[in-house]
Amino acid sequence: GQYVEVAMMDGVMNLCRVKFRDHQRLQRSSLSEYSVPTYQGMGEVPRAGNDSGGGQLGNAIHCKPHGANDWLYVVVQEAVWEDLAKRVGPEVAMPDMVSDARLATIGERRKNQNLVWTLLNKFAEKYTKRELMAILNPLDVPCGPVMSTDDLANDEHVRGRNMWVELDHPQRGKWFNVGMPIKLSASPAKIERAPLLGEHTDEVLGDVLAYDAATIESLRAAGAFSKEAPKLKLAASAGARR
């Protein structure tokens, strides 16, 4: 066997990998994949906003009904551009979108990516994020919805992965908690509720410290710990949220 060390800082640094790469690239040239202007020798990589900042263009597209969480993140890969343009063009009054010189190559699309996002946002105006995803999936366009906490709580995939676990608490009633992100086939994790204050006092004193019942009661009477063990009557769950 071996020890496995996973530091949170190391994970965050790995997420910043593209930005550190671009920081060094800026010393030699501008960055064409950002929609905001960049120039050689720029001190810092610009904030990308919703841009992917990667080799393939990506952005969050606002969908119907245009609320705070009504977004679908879309990556416009070279391999899917022709099919995407054929599907989007007719609905945005641009039937020649696939052959438009401003969008004909990945290089031109990088230069004119604000036009790409304008067209896709216009296309998305009459679709919800789920409807738009259903349109793009058959075209093999990588995309995924921006999800609110309510979306996540009711997502079939999240529940199917046991990442949304129902618990029954004596005082709080029924509620949900996040499951275990690491799945081990030989030792599956079980998510349980937190204990009440003093709930296991007698168990610890008796089973771990080997105190007999008389000693435990003597300590309780002397005020060494709570005089009364918590009552484990389940609270009404009418207010529990799913």
C-alpha atoms as a PDB file:
ATOM      1  CA  GLY A   1       0.000   0.000   0.000  1.00  0.00           C
ATOM      2  CA  GLN A   2       0.910   3.657  -0.078  1.00  0.00           C
ATOM      3  CA  TYR A   3      -0.175   6.955   1.394  1.00  0.00           C
ATOM      4  CA  VAL A   4      -2.268   9.235  -0.816  1.00  0.00           C
ATOM      5  CA  GLU A   5      -2.001  12.967  -0.148  1.00  0.00           C
ATOM      6  CA  VAL A   6      -4.530  15.272  -1.798  1.00  0.00           C
ATOM      7  CA  ALA A   7      -4.248  18.920  -0.758  1.00  0.00           C
ATOM      8  CA  MET A   8      -7.047  21.377  -1.487  1.00  0.00           C
ATOM      9  CA  MET A   9      -4.522  23.989  -2.641  1.00  0.00           C
ATOM     10  CA  ASP A  10      -3.043  21.524  -5.134  1.00  0.00           C
ATOM     11  CA  GLY A  11      -6.497  20.883  -6.555  1.00  0.00           C
ATOM     12  CA  VAL A  12      -7.165  24.610  -6.956  1.00  0.00           C
ATOM     13  CA  MET A  13      -3.785  25.092  -8.642  1.00  0.00           C
ATOM     14  CA  ASN A  14      -4.691  22.353 -11.100  1.00  0.00           C
ATOM     15  CA  LEU A  15      -7.955  24.151 -11.912  1.00  0.00           C
ATOM     16  CA  CYS A  16      -5.885  27.263 -12.674  1.00  0.00           C
ATOM     17  CA  ARG A  17      -3.700  25.364 -15.135  1.00  0.00           C
ATOM     18  CA  VAL A  18      -5.056  27.136 -18.246  1.00  0.00           C
ATOM     19  CA  LYS A  19      -4.672  30.587 -16.670  1.00  0.00           C
ATOM     20  CA  PHE A  20      -1.058  29.924 -15.724  1.00  0.00           C
ATOM     21  CA  ARG A  21      -0.390  28.734 -19.274  1.00  0.00           C
ATOM     22  CA  ASP A  22      -1.973  31.890 -20.703  1.00  0.00           C
ATOM     23  CA  HIS A  23      -0.032  34.089 -18.281  1.00  0.00           C
ATOM     24  CA  GLN A  24       3.176  32.836 -19.907  1.00  0.00           C
ATOM     25  CA  ARG A  25       1.787  33.014 -23.447  1.00  0.00           C
ATOM     26  CA  LEU A  26       0.985  36.698 -22.937  1.00  0.00           C
ATOM     27  CA  GLN A  27       4.688  37.425 -22.676  1.00  0.00           C
ATOM     28  CA  ARG A  28       5.035  36.435 -26.349  1.00  0.00           C
ATOM     29  CA  SER A  29       1.721  37.197 -28.057  1.00  0.00           C
ATOM     30  CA  SER A  30      -1.926  38.143 -27.655  1.00  0.00           C
ATOM     31  CA  LEU A  31      -4.603  35.554 -26.864  1.00  0.00           C
ATOM     32  CA  SER A  32      -7.126  35.030 -29.635  1.00  0.00           C
ATOM     33  CA  GLU A  33      -9.510  32.829 -27.639  1.00  0.00           C
ATOM     34  CA  TYR A  34     -10.582  35.628 -25.274  1.00  0.00           C
ATOM     35  CA  SER A  35     -13.421  37.906 -26.350  1.00  0.00           C
ATOM     36  CA  VAL A  36     -11.807  40.829 -24.502  1.00  0.00           C
ATOM     37  CA  PRO A  37      -8.705  42.414 -26.106  1.00  0.00           C
ATOM     38  CA  THR A  38      -5.275  41.170 -25.024  1.00  0.00           C
ATOM     39  CA  TYR A  39      -1.797  42.273 -26.011  1.00  0.00           C
ATOM     40  CA  GLN A  40       1.789  41.056 -25.740  1.00  0.00           C
ATOM     41  CA  GLY A  41       3.379  41.926 -22.416  1.00  0.00           C
ATOM     42  CA  MET A  42       0.036  42.305 -20.655  1.00  0.00           C
ATOM     43  CA  GLY A  43       0.695  41.907 -16.946  1.00  0.00           C
ATOM     44  CA  GLU A  44      -2.227  39.643 -16.103  1.00  0.00           C
ATOM     45  CA  VAL A  45      -4.529  37.246 -17.888  1.00  0.00           C
ATOM     46  CA  PRO A  46      -7.882  39.048 -18.267  1.00  0.00           C
ATOM     47  CA  ARG A  47     -10.942  37.835 -16.455  1.00  0.00           C
ATOM     48  CA  ALA A  48     -12.684  35.644 -18.991  1.00  0.00           C
ATOM     49  CA  GLY A  49     -16.214  36.153 -17.697  1.00  0.00           C
ATOM     50  CA  ASN A  50     -18.243  33.375 -19.277  1.00  0.00           C
ATOM     51  CA  ASP A  51     -15.610  32.656 -21.945  1.00  0.00           C
ATOM     52  CA  SER A  52     -13.959  29.252 -21.765  1.00  0.00           C
ATOM     53  CA  GLY A  53     -10.523  30.743 -22.406  1.00  0.00           C
ATOM     54  CA  GLY A  54      -9.483  27.428 -23.941  1.00  0.00           C
ATOM     55  CA  GLY A  55      -8.638  26.135 -27.383  1.00  0.00           C
ATOM     56  CA  GLN A  56     -12.308  25.505 -28.143  1.00  0.00           C
ATOM     57  CA  LEU A  57     -14.677  28.455 -27.832  1.00  0.00           C
ATOM     58  CA  GLY A  58     -17.208  28.190 -25.034  1.00  0.00           C
ATOM     59  CA  ASN A  59     -19.708  30.488 -23.363  1.00  0.00           C
ATOM     60  CA  ALA A  60     -22.858  30.568 -21.247  1.00  0.00           C
ATOM     61  CA  ILE A  61     -25.958  31.110 -23.380  1.00  0.00           C
ATOM     62  CA  HIS A  62     -28.982  32.796 -21.776  1.00  0.00           C
ATOM     63  CA  CYS A  63     -32.200  30.862 -22.306  1.00  0.00           C
ATOM     64  CA  LYS A  64     -35.932  31.320 -21.760  1.00  0.00           C
ATOM     65  CA  PRO A  65     -37.351  32.606 -19.365  1.00  0.00           C
ATOM     66  CA  HIS A  66     -34.065  34.510 -18.890  1.00  0.00           C
ATOM     67  CA  GLY A  67     -33.796  34.233 -15.123  1.00  0.00           C
ATOM     68  CA  ALA A  68     -30.649  34.149 -13.012  1.00  0.00           C
ATOM     69  CA  ASN A  69     -30.118  30.413 -13.573  1.00  0.00           C
ATOM     70  CA  ASP A  70     -31.476  30.063 -17.101  1.00  0.00           C
ATOM     71  CA  TRP A  71     -28.130  29.442 -18.797  1.00  0.00           C
ATOM     72  CA  LEU A  72     -26.666  26.640 -20.871  1.00  0.00           C
ATOM     73  CA  TYR A  73     -22.901  26.433 -21.242  1.00  0.00           C
ATOM     74  CA  VAL A  74     -22.036  25.597 -24.848  1.00  0.00           C
ATOM     75  CA  VAL A  75     -18.669  24.657 -26.363  1.00  0.00           C
ATOM     76  CA  VAL A  76     -18.396  25.329 -30.103  1.00  0.00           C
ATOM     77  CA  GLN A  77     -15.951  22.709 -31.314  1.00  0.00           C
ATOM     78  CA  GLU A  78     -14.550  22.698 -34.830  1.00  0.00           C
ATOM     79  CA  ALA A  79     -15.995  19.246 -35.505  1.00  0.00           C
ATOM     80  CA  VAL A  80     -19.590  20.314 -34.807  1.00  0.00           C
ATOM     81  CA  TRP A  81     -19.565  23.819 -36.265  1.00  0.00           C
ATOM     82  CA  GLU A  82     -21.113  22.967 -39.637  1.00  0.00           C
ATOM     83  CA  ASP A  83     -24.074  21.072 -38.147  1.00  0.00           C
ATOM     84  CA  LEU A  84     -24.537  23.740 -35.483  1.00  0.00           C
ATOM     85  CA  ALA A  85     -24.503  26.580 -38.010  1.00  0.00           C
ATOM     86  CA  LYS A  86     -27.000  24.768 -40.249  1.00  0.00           C
ATOM     87  CA  ARG A  87     -29.362  24.337 -37.284  1.00  0.00           C
ATOM     88  CA  VAL A  88     -28.985  27.838 -35.843  1.00  0.00           C
ATOM     89  CA  GLY A  89     -28.670  29.961 -38.997  1.00  0.00           C
ATOM     90  CA  PRO A  90     -32.240  29.723 -40.352  1.00  0.00           C
ATOM     91  CA  GLU A  91     -33.739  30.707 -36.983  1.00  0.00           C
ATOM     92  CA  VAL A  92     -31.573  33.819 -36.585  1.00  0.00           C
ATOM     93  CA  ALA A  93     -32.173  35.195 -40.092  1.00  0.00           C
ATOM     94  CA  MET A  94     -28.742  34.029 -41.230  1.00  0.00           C
ATOM     95  CA  PRO A  95     -29.283  31.045 -43.567  1.00  0.00           C
ATOM     96  CA  ASP A  96     -25.708  31.293 -44.893  1.00  0.00           C
ATOM     97  CA  MET A  97     -24.213  31.122 -41.395  1.00  0.00           C
ATOM     98  CA  VAL A  98     -22.236  27.985 -42.246  1.00  0.00           C
ATOM     99  CA  SER A  99     -20.461  29.723 -45.161  1.00  0.00           C
ATOM    100  CA  ASP A 100     -20.165  33.236 -43.714  1.00  0.00           C
ATOM    101  CA  ALA A 101     -16.535  34.320 -44.128  1.00  0.00           C
ATOM    102  CA  ARG A 102     -16.450  35.764 -40.601  1.00  0.00           C
ATOM    103  CA  LEU A 103     -17.214  32.330 -39.161  1.00  0.00           C
ATOM    104  CA  ALA A 104     -15.799  29.942 -41.760  1.00  0.00           C
ATOM    105  CA  THR A 105     -12.727  28.810 -39.777  1.00  0.00           C
ATOM    106  CA  ILE A 106     -11.866  28.440 -36.110  1.00  0.00           C
ATOM    107  CA  GLY A 107      -9.441  31.340 -36.476  1.00  0.00           C
ATOM    108  CA  GLU A 108     -12.145  33.624 -37.855  1.00  0.00           C
ATOM    109  CA  ARG A 109     -14.596  32.499 -35.198  1.00  0.00           C
ATOM    110  CA  ARG A 110     -12.074  33.396 -32.512  1.00  0.00           C
ATOM    111  CA  LYS A 111     -11.736  36.876 -33.993  1.00  0.00           C
ATOM    112  CA  ASN A 112     -15.506  37.237 -34.257  1.00  0.00           C
ATOM    113  CA  GLN A 113     -16.623  35.202 -31.286  1.00  0.00           C
ATOM    114  CA  ASN A 114     -18.845  37.991 -29.989  1.00  0.00           C
ATOM    115  CA  LEU A 115     -20.873  37.487 -33.179  1.00  0.00           C
ATOM    116  CA  VAL A 116     -21.030  33.742 -32.474  1.00  0.00           C
ATOM    117  CA  TRP A 117     -22.392  34.356 -28.978  1.00  0.00           C
ATOM    118  CA  THR A 118     -24.845  36.987 -30.212  1.00  0.00           C
ATOM    119  CA  LEU A 119     -26.280  34.527 -32.735  1.00  0.00           C
ATOM    120  CA  LEU A 120     -26.478  31.663 -30.244  1.00  0.00           C
ATOM    121  CA  ASN A 121     -28.127  33.880 -27.622  1.00  0.00           C
ATOM    122  CA  LYS A 122     -30.670  34.999 -30.197  1.00  0.00           C
ATOM    123  CA  PHE A 123     -31.336  31.364 -31.111  1.00  0.00           C
ATOM    124  CA  ALA A 124     -31.806  30.479 -27.423  1.00  0.00           C
ATOM    125  CA  GLU A 125     -34.390  33.196 -26.758  1.00  0.00           C
ATOM    126  CA  LYS A 126     -37.359  30.867 -27.294  1.00  0.00           C
ATOM    127  CA  TYR A 127     -35.914  27.747 -25.652  1.00  0.00           C
ATOM    128  CA  THR A 128     -35.367  26.788 -22.023  1.00  0.00           C
ATOM    129  CA  LYS A 129     -31.926  25.488 -21.095  1.00  0.00           C
ATOM    130  CA  ARG A 130     -33.251  21.918 -21.109  1.00  0.00           C
ATOM    131  CA  GLU A 131     -34.920  22.388 -24.488  1.00  0.00           C
ATOM    132  CA  LEU A 132     -31.756  23.886 -25.951  1.00  0.00           C
ATOM    133  CA  MET A 133     -29.694  21.031 -24.559  1.00  0.00           C
ATOM    134  CA  ALA A 134     -32.092  18.562 -26.210  1.00  0.00           C
ATOM    135  CA  ILE A 135     -31.521  20.342 -29.544  1.00  0.00           C
ATOM    136  CA  LEU A 136     -27.729  20.409 -29.242  1.00  0.00           C
ATOM    137  CA  ASN A 137     -27.136  16.890 -27.892  1.00  0.00           C
ATOM    138  CA  PRO A 138     -28.025  15.107 -31.174  1.00  0.00           C
ATOM    139  CA  LEU A 139     -25.541  17.418 -32.919  1.00  0.00           C
ATOM    140  CA  ASP A 140     -22.804  16.297 -30.482  1.00  0.00           C
ATOM    141  CA  VAL A 141     -22.370  19.873 -29.258  1.00  0.00           C
ATOM    142  CA  PRO A 142     -20.870  19.732 -25.742  1.00  0.00           C
ATOM    143  CA  CYS A 143     -23.189  21.583 -23.386  1.00  0.00           C
ATOM    144  CA  GLY A 144     -24.510  21.557 -19.850  1.00  0.00           C
ATOM    145  CA  PRO A 145     -27.042  23.568 -17.845  1.00  0.00           C
ATOM    146  CA  VAL A 146     -26.108  26.081 -15.165  1.00  0.00           C
ATOM    147  CA  MET A 147     -27.973  24.578 -12.228  1.00  0.00           C
ATOM    148  CA  SER A 148     -29.493  26.239  -9.185  1.00  0.00           C
ATOM    149  CA  THR A 149     -29.573  24.491  -5.809  1.00  0.00           C
ATOM    150  CA  ASP A 150     -33.186  23.538  -6.548  1.00  0.00           C
ATOM    151  CA  ASP A 151     -32.152  22.090  -9.925  1.00  0.00           C
ATOM    152  CA  LEU A 152     -29.431  20.024  -8.255  1.00  0.00           C
ATOM    153  CA  ALA A 153     -31.741  18.837  -5.475  1.00  0.00           C
ATOM    154  CA  ASN A 154     -34.179  17.427  -8.021  1.00  0.00           C
ATOM    155  CA  ASP A 155     -31.755  16.226 -10.687  1.00  0.00           C
ATOM    156  CA  GLU A 156     -32.168  12.538 -11.559  1.00  0.00           C
ATOM    157  CA  HIS A 157     -28.453  12.079 -12.187  1.00  0.00           C
ATOM    158  CA  VAL A 158     -27.503  13.567  -8.799  1.00  0.00           C
ATOM    159  CA  ARG A 159     -29.990  11.307  -7.021  1.00  0.00           C
ATOM    160  CA  GLY A 160     -28.898   8.315  -9.084  1.00  0.00           C
ATOM    161  CA  ARG A 161     -25.337   8.877  -7.891  1.00  0.00           C
ATOM    162  CA  ASN A 162     -26.551   8.909  -4.254  1.00  0.00           C
ATOM    163  CA  MET A 163     -25.338  12.471  -3.876  1.00  0.00           C
ATOM    164  CA  TRP A 164     -28.639  13.676  -2.378  1.00  0.00           C
ATOM    165  CA  VAL A 165     -29.423  11.538   0.676  1.00  0.00           C
ATOM    166  CA  GLU A 166     -32.558  11.739   2.816  1.00  0.00           C
ATOM    167  CA  LEU A 167     -31.977  11.730   6.577  1.00  0.00           C
ATOM    168  CA  ASP A 168     -34.431  11.582   9.476  1.00  0.00           C
ATOM    169  CA  HIS A 169     -33.414  13.800  12.393  1.00  0.00           C
ATOM    170  CA  PRO A 170     -35.078  13.583  15.820  1.00  0.00           C
ATOM    171  CA  GLN A 171     -35.498  17.346  16.078  1.00  0.00           C
ATOM    172  CA  ARG A 172     -35.278  18.620  12.533  1.00  0.00           C
ATOM    173  CA  GLY A 173     -37.372  15.948  10.869  1.00  0.00           C
ATOM    174  CA  LYS A 174     -36.755  14.687   7.338  1.00  0.00           C
ATOM    175  CA  TRP A 175     -34.158  16.598   5.359  1.00  0.00           C
ATOM    176  CA  PHE A 176     -31.530  16.009   2.696  1.00  0.00           C
ATOM    177  CA  ASN A 177     -27.753  16.044   2.863  1.00  0.00           C
ATOM    178  CA  VAL A 178     -24.980  15.770   0.266  1.00  0.00           C
ATOM    179  CA  GLY A 179     -23.730  12.224  -0.218  1.00  0.00           C
ATOM    180  CA  MET A 180     -20.203  10.819  -0.393  1.00  0.00           C
ATOM    181  CA  PRO A 181     -18.351  11.915  -3.571  1.00  0.00           C
ATOM    182  CA  ILE A 182     -15.853   9.027  -3.343  1.00  0.00           C
ATOM    183  CA  LYS A 183     -17.345   5.620  -4.176  1.00  0.00           C
ATOM    184  CA  LEU A 184     -15.469   2.543  -2.911  1.00  0.00           C
ATOM    185  CA  SER A 185     -16.822  -0.811  -4.116  1.00  0.00           C
ATOM    186  CA  ALA A 186     -15.608  -2.799  -1.106  1.00  0.00           C
ATOM    187  CA  SER A 187     -16.537  -0.238   1.556  1.00  0.00           C
ATOM    188  CA  PRO A 188     -19.515   1.907   0.553  1.00  0.00           C
ATOM    189  CA  ALA A 189     -20.048   4.966   2.710  1.00  0.00           C
ATOM    190  CA  LYS A 190     -23.219   5.456   4.718  1.00  0.00           C
ATOM    191  CA  ILE A 191     -24.394   9.011   5.338  1.00  0.00           C
ATOM    192  CA  GLU A 192     -25.976   9.394   8.781  1.00  0.00           C
ATOM    193  CA  ARG A 193     -27.437  12.265  10.761  1.00  0.00           C
ATOM    194  CA  ALA A 194     -25.394  14.139  13.355  1.00  0.00           C
ATOM    195  CA  PRO A 195     -25.986  12.999  16.964  1.00  0.00           C
ATOM    196  CA  LEU A 196     -27.764  15.159  19.496  1.00  0.00           C
ATOM    197  CA  LEU A 197     -25.768  16.715  22.315  1.00  0.00           C
ATOM    198  CA  GLY A 198     -25.272  13.994  24.911  1.00  0.00           C
ATOM    199  CA  GLU A 199     -27.075  11.330  22.885  1.00  0.00           C
ATOM    200  CA  HIS A 200     -24.250   8.805  23.222  1.00  0.00           C
ATOM    201  CA  THR A 201     -22.944   9.765  26.665  1.00  0.00           C
ATOM    202  CA  ASP A 202     -24.193   6.614  28.394  1.00  0.00           C
ATOM    203  CA  GLU A 203     -22.973   4.441  25.523  1.00  0.00           C
ATOM    204  CA  VAL A 204     -19.461   5.936  25.610  1.00  0.00           C
ATOM    205  CA  LEU A 205     -19.192   5.749  29.404  1.00  0.00           C
ATOM    206  CA  GLY A 206     -20.469   2.183  29.504  1.00  0.00           C
ATOM    207  CA  ASP A 207     -19.053   0.554  26.374  1.00  0.00           C
ATOM    208  CA  VAL A 208     -15.793   2.486  25.980  1.00  0.00           C
ATOM    209  CA  LEU A 209     -14.856   3.440  29.554  1.00  0.00           C
ATOM    210  CA  ALA A 210     -16.540   0.395  31.157  1.00  0.00           C
ATOM    211  CA  TYR A 211     -18.433   2.416  33.785  1.00  0.00           C
ATOM    212  CA  ASP A 212     -21.295   0.514  35.360  1.00  0.00           C
ATOM    213  CA  ALA A 213     -24.802   1.957  35.547  1.00  0.00           C
ATOM    214  CA  ALA A 214     -24.427   3.009  39.184  1.00  0.00           C
ATOM    215  CA  THR A 215     -21.251   4.988  38.447  1.00  0.00           C
ATOM    216  CA  ILE A 216     -22.863   6.700  35.467  1.00  0.00           C
ATOM    217  CA  GLU A 217     -25.887   7.724  37.534  1.00  0.00           C
ATOM    218  CA  SER A 218     -23.607   8.959  40.320  1.00  0.00           C
ATOM    219  CA  LEU A 219     -21.686  11.155  37.866  1.00  0.00           C
ATOM    220  CA  ARG A 220     -24.921  12.411  36.362  1.00  0.00           C
ATOM    221  CA  ALA A 221     -26.299  13.318  39.794  1.00  0.00           C
ATOM    222  CA  ALA A 222     -23.072  15.172  40.589  1.00  0.00           C
ATOM    223  CA  GLY A 223     -23.519  17.308  37.450  1.00  0.00           C
ATOM    224  CA  ALA A 224     -20.573  15.862  35.518  1.00  0.00           C
ATOM    225  CA  PHE A 225     -22.794  15.850  32.429  1.00  0.00           C
ATOM    226  CA  SER A 226     -26.403  16.423  31.464  1.00  0.00           C
ATOM    227  CA  LYS A 227     -28.851  15.104  34.026  1.00  0.00           C
ATOM    228  CA  GLU A 228     -31.198  13.879  31.324  1.00  0.00           C
ATOM    229  CA  ALA A 229     -30.375  12.072  28.109  1.00  0.00           C
ATOM    230  CA  PRO A 230     -31.961  13.697  25.027  1.00  0.00           C
ATOM    231  CA  LYS A 231     -35.311  12.356  23.956  1.00  0.00           C
ATOM    232  CA  LEU A 232     -35.263  10.826  20.501  1.00  0.00           C
ATOM    233  CA  LYS A 233     -38.820  11.539  19.443  1.00  0.00           C
ATOM    234  CA  LEU A 234     -38.937  12.256  15.731  1.00  0.00           C
ATOM    235  CA  ALA A 235     -40.116  15.738  14.897  1.00  0.00           C
ATOM    236  CA  ALA A 236     -42.942  16.288  12.430  1.00  0.00           C
ATOM    237  CA  SER A 237     -41.584  16.432   8.894  1.00  0.00           C
ATOM    238  CA  ALA A 238     -44.304  18.574   7.341  1.00  0.00           C
ATOM    239  CA  GLY A 239     -41.819  21.364   6.766  1.00  0.00           C
ATOM    240  CA  ALA A 240     -39.158  19.147   5.249  1.00  0.00           C
ATOM    241  CA  ARG A 241     -38.066  20.307   1.821  1.00  0.00           C
ATOM    242  CA  ARG A 242     -37.356  17.963  -1.043  1.00  0.00           C
END
